[in-house]
Amino acid sequence: MWLKQFKIALVEKNIQEIEELMLDVPKLKNKEEIDSAICLIEEAKSLVVELRDETQASMIQMKKNIDFLKVTQEKAVPSLDVTL
């Protein structure tokens, strides 16, 4: 059951579910289940690294966009409001 839930979480790229499943790893009994769990955990690690890299690239791009918008923004002309 745990392996099936872990596979589904990986396919869905559901990091929160993967984290919850990692906190509650059952004691696996046969070699096939253990090998499957190891492979799934390695896949989860790869997924987390991939998502981290994508997030980092997005943040860098947003920073560049913000910097560009600041440069192209018209300078505000200070005005003196004398009306009371």
PDB file of N, CA and C in Angstrom:
ATOM      1  N   MET A   1       0.825  -1.196   0.000  1.00  0.00           N
ATOM      2  CA  MET A   1       0.000   0.000   0.000  1.00  0.00           C
ATOM      3  C   MET A   1       0.864   1.252   0.000  1.00  0.00           C
ATOM      4  N   TRP A   2       1.901   1.278   0.843  1.00  0.00           N
ATOM      5  CA  TRP A   2       2.781   2.446   0.924  1.00  0.00           C
ATOM      6  C   TRP A   2       3.472   2.693  -0.410  1.00  0.00           C
ATOM      7  N   LEU A   3       3.957   1.616  -1.040  1.00  0.00           N
ATOM      8  CA  LEU A   3       4.633   1.750  -2.322  1.00  0.00           C
ATOM      9  C   LEU A   3       3.700   2.337  -3.374  1.00  0.00           C
ATOM     10  N   LYS A   4       2.467   1.879  -3.384  1.00  0.00           N
ATOM     11  CA  LYS A   4       1.488   2.376  -4.353  1.00  0.00           C
ATOM     12  C   LYS A   4       1.222   3.866  -4.117  1.00  0.00           C
ATOM     13  N   GLN A   5       1.036   4.259  -2.871  1.00  0.00           N
ATOM     14  CA  GLN A   5       0.810   5.673  -2.552  1.00  0.00           C
ATOM     15  C   GLN A   5       2.015   6.519  -2.942  1.00  0.00           C
ATOM     16  N   PHE A   6       3.213   5.990  -2.718  1.00  0.00           N
ATOM     17  CA  PHE A   6       4.437   6.716  -3.053  1.00  0.00           C
ATOM     18  C   PHE A   6       4.545   6.902  -4.560  1.00  0.00           C
ATOM     19  N   LYS A   7       4.229   5.849  -5.319  1.00  0.00           N
ATOM     20  CA  LYS A   7       4.255   5.938  -6.781  1.00  0.00           C
ATOM     21  C   LYS A   7       3.280   7.004  -7.278  1.00  0.00           C
ATOM     22  N   ILE A   8       2.096   7.022  -6.721  1.00  0.00           N
ATOM     23  CA  ILE A   8       1.085   8.007  -7.118  1.00  0.00           C
ATOM     24  C   ILE A   8       1.566   9.417  -6.799  1.00  0.00           C
ATOM     25  N   ALA A   9       2.133   9.609  -5.629  1.00  0.00           N
ATOM     26  CA  ALA A   9       2.644  10.925  -5.233  1.00  0.00           C
ATOM     27  C   ALA A   9       3.757  11.372  -6.184  1.00  0.00           C
ATOM     28  N   LEU A  10       4.606  10.450  -6.613  1.00  0.00           N
ATOM     29  CA  LEU A  10       5.674  10.785  -7.561  1.00  0.00           C
ATOM     30  C   LEU A  10       5.103  11.195  -8.913  1.00  0.00           C
ATOM     31  N   VAL A  11       4.159  10.432  -9.402  1.00  0.00           N
ATOM     32  CA  VAL A  11       3.551  10.747 -10.698  1.00  0.00           C
ATOM     33  C   VAL A  11       2.867  12.108 -10.655  1.00  0.00           C
ATOM     34  N   GLU A  12       2.200  12.393  -9.549  1.00  0.00           N
ATOM     35  CA  GLU A  12       1.509  13.669  -9.385  1.00  0.00           C
ATOM     36  C   GLU A  12       2.460  14.809  -9.010  1.00  0.00           C
ATOM     37  N   LYS A  13       3.712  14.484  -8.732  1.00  0.00           N
ATOM     38  CA  LYS A  13       4.709  15.458  -8.261  1.00  0.00           C
ATOM     39  C   LYS A  13       4.209  16.187  -7.018  1.00  0.00           C
ATOM     40  N   ASN A  14       3.603  15.406  -6.127  1.00  0.00           N
ATOM     41  CA  ASN A  14       3.038  15.933  -4.889  1.00  0.00           C
ATOM     42  C   ASN A  14       4.088  15.839  -3.779  1.00  0.00           C
ATOM     43  N   ILE A  15       4.856  16.907  -3.642  1.00  0.00           N
ATOM     44  CA  ILE A  15       5.964  16.916  -2.692  1.00  0.00           C
ATOM     45  C   ILE A  15       5.473  16.773  -1.250  1.00  0.00           C
ATOM     46  N   GLN A  16       4.347  17.387  -0.946  1.00  0.00           N
ATOM     47  CA  GLN A  16       3.818  17.299   0.422  1.00  0.00           C
ATOM     48  C   GLN A  16       3.463  15.853   0.772  1.00  0.00           C
ATOM     49  N   GLU A  17       2.837  15.158  -0.147  1.00  0.00           N
ATOM     50  CA  GLU A  17       2.474  13.755   0.090  1.00  0.00           C
ATOM     51  C   GLU A  17       3.734  12.882   0.201  1.00  0.00           C
ATOM     52  N   ILE A  18       4.715  13.152  -0.644  1.00  0.00           N
ATOM     53  CA  ILE A  18       5.977  12.407  -0.576  1.00  0.00           C
ATOM     54  C   ILE A  18       6.624  12.606   0.788  1.00  0.00           C
ATOM     55  N   GLU A  19       6.625  13.849   1.257  1.00  0.00           N
ATOM     56  CA  GLU A  19       7.218  14.133   2.569  1.00  0.00           C
ATOM     57  C   GLU A  19       6.495  13.374   3.676  1.00  0.00           C
ATOM     58  N   GLU A  20       5.171  13.373   3.630  1.00  0.00           N
ATOM     59  CA  GLU A  20       4.397  12.655   4.651  1.00  0.00           C
ATOM     60  C   GLU A  20       4.680  11.155   4.602  1.00  0.00           C
ATOM     61  N   LEU A  21       4.780  10.613   3.398  1.00  0.00           N
ATOM     62  CA  LEU A  21       5.068   9.184   3.262  1.00  0.00           C
ATOM     63  C   LEU A  21       6.488   8.852   3.735  1.00  0.00           C
ATOM     64  N   MET A  22       7.431   9.767   3.510  1.00  0.00           N
ATOM     65  CA  MET A  22       8.798   9.543   3.961  1.00  0.00           C
ATOM     66  C   MET A  22       8.898   9.543   5.484  1.00  0.00           C
ATOM     67  N   LEU A  23       8.011  10.273   6.134  1.00  0.00           N
ATOM     68  CA  LEU A  23       8.010  10.299   7.593  1.00  0.00           C
ATOM     69  C   LEU A  23       7.412   9.028   8.195  1.00  0.00           C
ATOM     70  N   ASP A  24       6.696   8.264   7.366  1.00  0.00           N
ATOM     71  CA  ASP A  24       6.011   7.071   7.860  1.00  0.00           C
ATOM     72  C   ASP A  24       6.341   5.851   6.986  1.00  0.00           C
ATOM     73  N   VAL A  25       7.620   5.594   6.794  1.00  0.00           N
ATOM     74  CA  VAL A  25       8.042   4.444   5.980  1.00  0.00           C
ATOM     75  C   VAL A  25       7.799   3.162   6.777  1.00  0.00           C
ATOM     76  N   PRO A  26       7.041   2.232   6.189  1.00  0.00           N
ATOM     77  CA  PRO A  26       6.792   0.974   6.904  1.00  0.00           C
ATOM     78  C   PRO A  26       8.016   0.059   6.856  1.00  0.00           C
ATOM     79  N   LYS A  27       8.014  -0.925   7.693  1.00  0.00           N
ATOM     80  CA  LYS A  27       9.092  -1.912   7.690  1.00  0.00           C
ATOM     81  C   LYS A  27       8.797  -2.892   6.547  1.00  0.00           C
ATOM     82  N   LEU A  28       9.617  -2.822   5.506  1.00  0.00           N
ATOM     83  CA  LEU A  28       9.413  -3.672   4.336  1.00  0.00           C
ATOM     84  C   LEU A  28      10.092  -5.013   4.566  1.00  0.00           C
ATOM     85  N   LYS A  29       9.441  -6.066   4.094  1.00  0.00           N
ATOM     86  CA  LYS A  29       9.910  -7.403   4.442  1.00  0.00           C
ATOM     87  C   LYS A  29      10.670  -8.100   3.333  1.00  0.00           C
ATOM     88  N   ASN A  30      10.183  -8.042   2.105  1.00  0.00           N
ATOM     89  CA  ASN A  30      10.896  -8.799   1.072  1.00  0.00           C
ATOM     90  C   ASN A  30      11.799  -7.898   0.238  1.00  0.00           C
ATOM     91  N   LYS A  31      12.760  -8.515  -0.403  1.00  0.00           N
ATOM     92  CA  LYS A  31      13.796  -7.789  -1.142  1.00  0.00           C
ATOM     93  C   LYS A  31      13.201  -6.962  -2.273  1.00  0.00           C
ATOM     94  N   GLU A  32      12.196  -7.481  -2.930  1.00  0.00           N
ATOM     95  CA  GLU A  32      11.566  -6.764  -4.054  1.00  0.00           C
ATOM     96  C   GLU A  32      10.957  -5.439  -3.588  1.00  0.00           C
ATOM     97  N   GLU A  33      10.254  -5.459  -2.466  1.00  0.00           N
ATOM     98  CA  GLU A  33       9.662  -4.231  -1.925  1.00  0.00           C
ATOM     99  C   GLU A  33      10.740  -3.235  -1.515  1.00  0.00           C
ATOM    100  N   ILE A  34      11.805  -3.731  -0.910  1.00  0.00           N
ATOM    101  CA  ILE A  34      12.900  -2.859  -0.475  1.00  0.00           C
ATOM    102  C   ILE A  34      13.562  -2.207  -1.689  1.00  0.00           C
ATOM    103  N   ASP A  35      13.825  -3.003  -2.737  1.00  0.00           N
ATOM    104  CA  ASP A  35      14.425  -2.461  -3.957  1.00  0.00           C
ATOM    105  C   ASP A  35      13.518  -1.413  -4.605  1.00  0.00           C
ATOM    106  N   SER A  36      12.227  -1.708  -4.629  1.00  0.00           N
ATOM    107  CA  SER A  36      11.265  -0.747  -5.191  1.00  0.00           C
ATOM    108  C   SER A  36      11.261   0.552  -4.388  1.00  0.00           C
ATOM    109  N   ALA A  37      11.280   0.431  -3.078  1.00  0.00           N
ATOM    110  CA  ALA A  37      11.278   1.613  -2.218  1.00  0.00           C
ATOM    111  C   ALA A  37      12.537   2.445  -2.441  1.00  0.00           C
ATOM    112  N   ILE A  38      13.670   1.796  -2.566  1.00  0.00           N
ATOM    113  CA  ILE A  38      14.928   2.513  -2.809  1.00  0.00           C
ATOM    114  C   ILE A  38      14.853   3.274  -4.132  1.00  0.00           C
ATOM    115  N   CYS A  39      14.372   2.615  -5.163  1.00  0.00           N
ATOM    116  CA  CYS A  39      14.246   3.271  -6.476  1.00  0.00           C
ATOM    117  C   CYS A  39      13.295   4.460  -6.405  1.00  0.00           C
ATOM    118  N   LEU A  40      12.175   4.288  -5.708  1.00  0.00           N
ATOM    119  CA  LEU A  40      11.201   5.370  -5.591  1.00  0.00           C
ATOM    120  C   LEU A  40      11.770   6.555  -4.807  1.00  0.00           C
ATOM    121  N   ILE A  41      12.509   6.268  -3.769  1.00  0.00           N
ATOM    122  CA  ILE A  41      13.115   7.340  -2.968  1.00  0.00           C
ATOM    123  C   ILE A  41      14.154   8.091  -3.798  1.00  0.00           C
ATOM    124  N   GLU A  42      14.912   7.369  -4.611  1.00  0.00           N
ATOM    125  CA  GLU A  42      15.880   8.031  -5.490  1.00  0.00           C
ATOM    126  C   GLU A  42      15.163   8.911  -6.513  1.00  0.00           C
ATOM    127  N   GLU A  43      14.038   8.427  -7.042  1.00  0.00           N
ATOM    128  CA  GLU A  43      13.241   9.227  -7.972  1.00  0.00           C
ATOM    129  C   GLU A  43      12.700  10.472  -7.285  1.00  0.00           C
ATOM    130  N   ALA A  44      12.261  10.318  -6.048  1.00  0.00           N
ATOM    131  CA  ALA A  44      11.747  11.461  -5.287  1.00  0.00           C
ATOM    132  C   ALA A  44      12.849  12.494  -5.089  1.00  0.00           C
ATOM    133  N   LYS A  45      14.043  12.032  -4.800  1.00  0.00           N
ATOM    134  CA  LYS A  45      15.176  12.950  -4.639  1.00  0.00           C
ATOM    135  C   LYS A  45      15.421  13.710  -5.938  1.00  0.00           C
ATOM    136  N   SER A  46      15.410  13.009  -7.054  1.00  0.00           N
ATOM    137  CA  SER A  46      15.601  13.655  -8.361  1.00  0.00           C
ATOM    138  C   SER A  46      14.509  14.679  -8.633  1.00  0.00           C
ATOM    139  N   LEU A  47      13.288  14.330  -8.272  1.00  0.00           N
ATOM    140  CA  LEU A  47      12.156  15.244  -8.472  1.00  0.00           C
ATOM    141  C   LEU A  47      12.330  16.515  -7.652  1.00  0.00           C
ATOM    142  N   VAL A  48      12.730  16.369  -6.406  1.00  0.00           N
ATOM    143  CA  VAL A  48      12.925  17.531  -5.532  1.00  0.00           C
ATOM    144  C   VAL A  48      14.031  18.430  -6.082  1.00  0.00           C
ATOM    145  N   VAL A  49      15.117  17.831  -6.549  1.00  0.00           N
ATOM    146  CA  VAL A  49      16.222  18.611  -7.123  1.00  0.00           C
ATOM    147  C   VAL A  49      15.742  19.337  -8.379  1.00  0.00           C
ATOM    148  N   GLU A  50      14.995  18.645  -9.217  1.00  0.00           N
ATOM    149  CA  GLU A  50      14.466  19.253 -10.450  1.00  0.00           C
ATOM    150  C   GLU A  50      13.552  20.435 -10.129  1.00  0.00           C
ATOM    151  N   LEU A  51      12.641  20.248  -9.185  1.00  0.00           N
ATOM    152  CA  LEU A  51      11.722  21.325  -8.816  1.00  0.00           C
ATOM    153  C   LEU A  51      12.468  22.491  -8.172  1.00  0.00           C
ATOM    154  N   ARG A  52      13.494  22.192  -7.380  1.00  0.00           N
ATOM    155  CA  ARG A  52      14.309  23.239  -6.773  1.00  0.00           C
ATOM    156  C   ARG A  52      14.999  24.073  -7.848  1.00  0.00           C
ATOM    157  N   ASP A  53      15.570  23.389  -8.842  1.00  0.00           N
ATOM    158  CA  ASP A  53      16.261  24.090  -9.922  1.00  0.00           C
ATOM    159  C   ASP A  53      15.296  24.944 -10.741  1.00  0.00           C
ATOM    160  N   GLU A  54      14.092  24.414 -10.999  1.00  0.00           N
ATOM    161  CA  GLU A  54      13.082  25.181 -11.728  1.00  0.00           C
ATOM    162  C   GLU A  54      12.669  26.419 -10.940  1.00  0.00           C
ATOM    163  N   THR A  55      12.496  26.261  -9.645  1.00  0.00           N
ATOM    164  CA  THR A  55      12.120  27.397  -8.792  1.00  0.00           C
ATOM    165  C   THR A  55      13.221  28.449  -8.790  1.00  0.00           C
ATOM    166  N   GLN A  56      14.455  28.012  -8.682  1.00  0.00           N
ATOM    167  CA  GLN A  56      15.583  28.936  -8.694  1.00  0.00           C
ATOM    168  C   GLN A  56      15.638  29.699 -10.019  1.00  0.00           C
ATOM    169  N   ALA A  57      15.459  28.999 -11.128  1.00  0.00           N
ATOM    170  CA  ALA A  57      15.483  29.654 -12.441  1.00  0.00           C
ATOM    171  C   ALA A  57      14.339  30.656 -12.564  1.00  0.00           C
ATOM    172  N   SER A  58      13.169  30.308 -12.052  1.00  0.00           N
ATOM    173  CA  SER A  58      12.022  31.224 -12.088  1.00  0.00           C
ATOM    174  C   SER A  58      12.288  32.466 -11.250  1.00  0.00           C
ATOM    175  N   MET A  59      12.885  32.289 -10.092  1.00  0.00           N
ATOM    176  CA  MET A  59      13.179  33.430  -9.228  1.00  0.00           C
ATOM    177  C   MET A  59      14.210  34.350  -9.883  1.00  0.00           C
ATOM    178  N   ILE A  60      15.210  33.788 -10.518  1.00  0.00           N
ATOM    179  CA  ILE A  60      16.214  34.594 -11.216  1.00  0.00           C
ATOM    180  C   ILE A  60      15.557  35.376 -12.351  1.00  0.00           C
ATOM    181  N   GLN A  61      14.674  34.706 -13.105  1.00  0.00           N
ATOM    182  CA  GLN A  61      13.988  35.380 -14.204  1.00  0.00           C
ATOM    183  C   GLN A  61      13.087  36.498 -13.691  1.00  0.00           C
ATOM    184  N   MET A  62      12.389  36.270 -12.576  1.00  0.00           N
ATOM    185  CA  MET A  62      11.539  37.322 -12.001  1.00  0.00           C
ATOM    186  C   MET A  62      12.372  38.514 -11.563  1.00  0.00           C
ATOM    187  N   LYS A  63      13.526  38.254 -10.964  1.00  0.00           N
ATOM    188  CA  LYS A  63      14.415  39.343 -10.544  1.00  0.00           C
ATOM    189  C   LYS A  63      14.858  40.159 -11.752  1.00  0.00           C
ATOM    190  N   LYS A  64      15.222  39.473 -12.841  1.00  0.00           N
ATOM    191  CA  LYS A  64      15.616  40.169 -14.066  1.00  0.00           C
ATOM    192  C   LYS A  64      14.454  41.002 -14.605  1.00  0.00           C
ATOM    193  N   ASN A  65      13.256  40.451 -14.577  1.00  0.00           N
ATOM    194  CA  ASN A  65      12.078  41.182 -15.066  1.00  0.00           C
ATOM    195  C   ASN A  65      11.814  42.422 -14.217  1.00  0.00           C
ATOM    196  N   ILE A  66      11.920  42.281 -12.909  1.00  0.00           N
ATOM    197  CA  ILE A  66      11.698  43.420 -12.011  1.00  0.00           C
ATOM    198  C   ILE A  66      12.754  44.494 -12.246  1.00  0.00           C
ATOM    199  N   ASP A  67      14.012  44.078 -12.380  1.00  0.00           N
ATOM    200  CA  ASP A  67      15.087  45.034 -12.647  1.00  0.00           C
ATOM    201  C   ASP A  67      14.850  45.753 -13.975  1.00  0.00           C
ATOM    202  N   PHE A  68      14.417  45.010 -14.993  1.00  0.00           N
ATOM    203  CA  PHE A  68      14.134  45.611 -16.287  1.00  0.00           C
ATOM    204  C   PHE A  68      13.000  46.626 -16.190  1.00  0.00           C
ATOM    205  N   LEU A  69      11.939  46.260 -15.481  1.00  0.00           N
ATOM    206  CA  LEU A  69      10.811  47.181 -15.330  1.00  0.00           C
ATOM    207  C   LEU A  69      11.218  48.443 -14.577  1.00  0.00           C
ATOM    208  N   LYS A  70      12.083  48.303 -13.594  1.00  0.00           N
ATOM    209  CA  LYS A  70      12.548  49.471 -12.850  1.00  0.00           C
ATOM    210  C   LYS A  70      13.351  50.408 -13.757  1.00  0.00           C
ATOM    211  N   VAL A  71      14.173  49.833 -14.625  1.00  0.00           N
ATOM    212  CA  VAL A  71      15.006  50.638 -15.517  1.00  0.00           C
ATOM    213  C   VAL A  71      14.149  51.358 -16.561  1.00  0.00           C
ATOM    214  N   THR A  72      13.126  50.673 -17.066  1.00  0.00           N
ATOM    215  CA  THR A  72      12.313  51.259 -18.136  1.00  0.00           C
ATOM    216  C   THR A  72      11.197  52.148 -17.616  1.00  0.00           C
ATOM    217  N   GLN A  73      10.998  52.154 -16.330  1.00  0.00           N
ATOM    218  CA  GLN A  73       9.935  52.965 -15.751  1.00  0.00           C
ATOM    219  C   GLN A  73      10.308  54.444 -15.853  1.00  0.00           C
ATOM    220  N   GLU A  74       9.316  55.267 -16.211  1.00  0.00           N
ATOM    221  CA  GLU A  74       9.567  56.701 -16.307  1.00  0.00           C
ATOM    222  C   GLU A  74       9.890  57.257 -14.935  1.00  0.00           C
ATOM    223  N   LYS A  75      10.829  58.188 -14.948  1.00  0.00           N
ATOM    224  CA  LYS A  75      11.191  58.842 -13.698  1.00  0.00           C
ATOM    225  C   LYS A  75      10.058  59.788 -13.308  1.00  0.00           C
ATOM    226  N   ALA A  76       9.674  59.728 -12.056  1.00  0.00           N
ATOM    227  CA  ALA A  76       8.616  60.606 -11.572  1.00  0.00           C
ATOM    228  C   ALA A  76       9.176  62.012 -11.421  1.00  0.00           C
ATOM    229  N   VAL A  77       8.443  62.967 -11.996  1.00  0.00           N
ATOM    230  CA  VAL A  77       8.859  64.370 -11.891  1.00  0.00           C
ATOM    231  C   VAL A  77       8.269  64.916 -10.624  1.00  0.00           C
ATOM    232  N   PRO A  78       9.116  65.362  -9.712  1.00  0.00           N
ATOM    233  CA  PRO A  78       8.589  65.909  -8.461  1.00  0.00           C
ATOM    234  C   PRO A  78       7.798  67.186  -8.739  1.00  0.00           C
ATOM    235  N   SER A  79       6.651  67.288  -8.099  1.00  0.00           N
ATOM    236  CA  SER A  79       5.836  68.482  -8.279  1.00  0.00           C
ATOM    237  C   SER A  79       5.551  69.087  -6.908  1.00  0.00           C
ATOM    238  N   LEU A  80       5.346  70.358  -6.936  1.00  0.00           N
ATOM    239  CA  LEU A  80       5.059  71.077  -5.709  1.00  0.00           C
ATOM    240  C   LEU A  80       3.566  71.396  -5.719  1.00  0.00           C
ATOM    241  N   ASP A  81       2.854  70.794  -4.789  1.00  0.00           N
ATOM    242  CA  ASP A  81       1.412  71.038  -4.696  1.00  0.00           C
ATOM    243  C   ASP A  81       1.201  72.198  -3.742  1.00  0.00           C
ATOM    244  N   VAL A  82       0.779  73.330  -4.307  1.00  0.00           N
ATOM    245  CA  VAL A  82       0.606  74.537  -3.491  1.00  0.00           C
ATOM    246  C   VAL A  82      -0.848  74.762  -3.123  1.00  0.00           C
ATOM    247  N   THR A  83      -1.744  73.884  -3.557  1.00  0.00           N
ATOM    248  CA  THR A  83      -3.154  74.080  -3.198  1.00  0.00           C
ATOM    249  C   THR A  83      -3.422  73.505  -1.823  1.00  0.00           C
ATOM    250  N   LEU A  84      -4.175  74.228  -1.061  1.00  0.00           N
ATOM    251  CA  LEU A  84      -4.495  73.768   0.286  1.00  0.00           C
ATOM    252  C   LEU A  84      -5.962  73.547   0.447  1.00  0.00           C
TER     253      LEU A  84
END
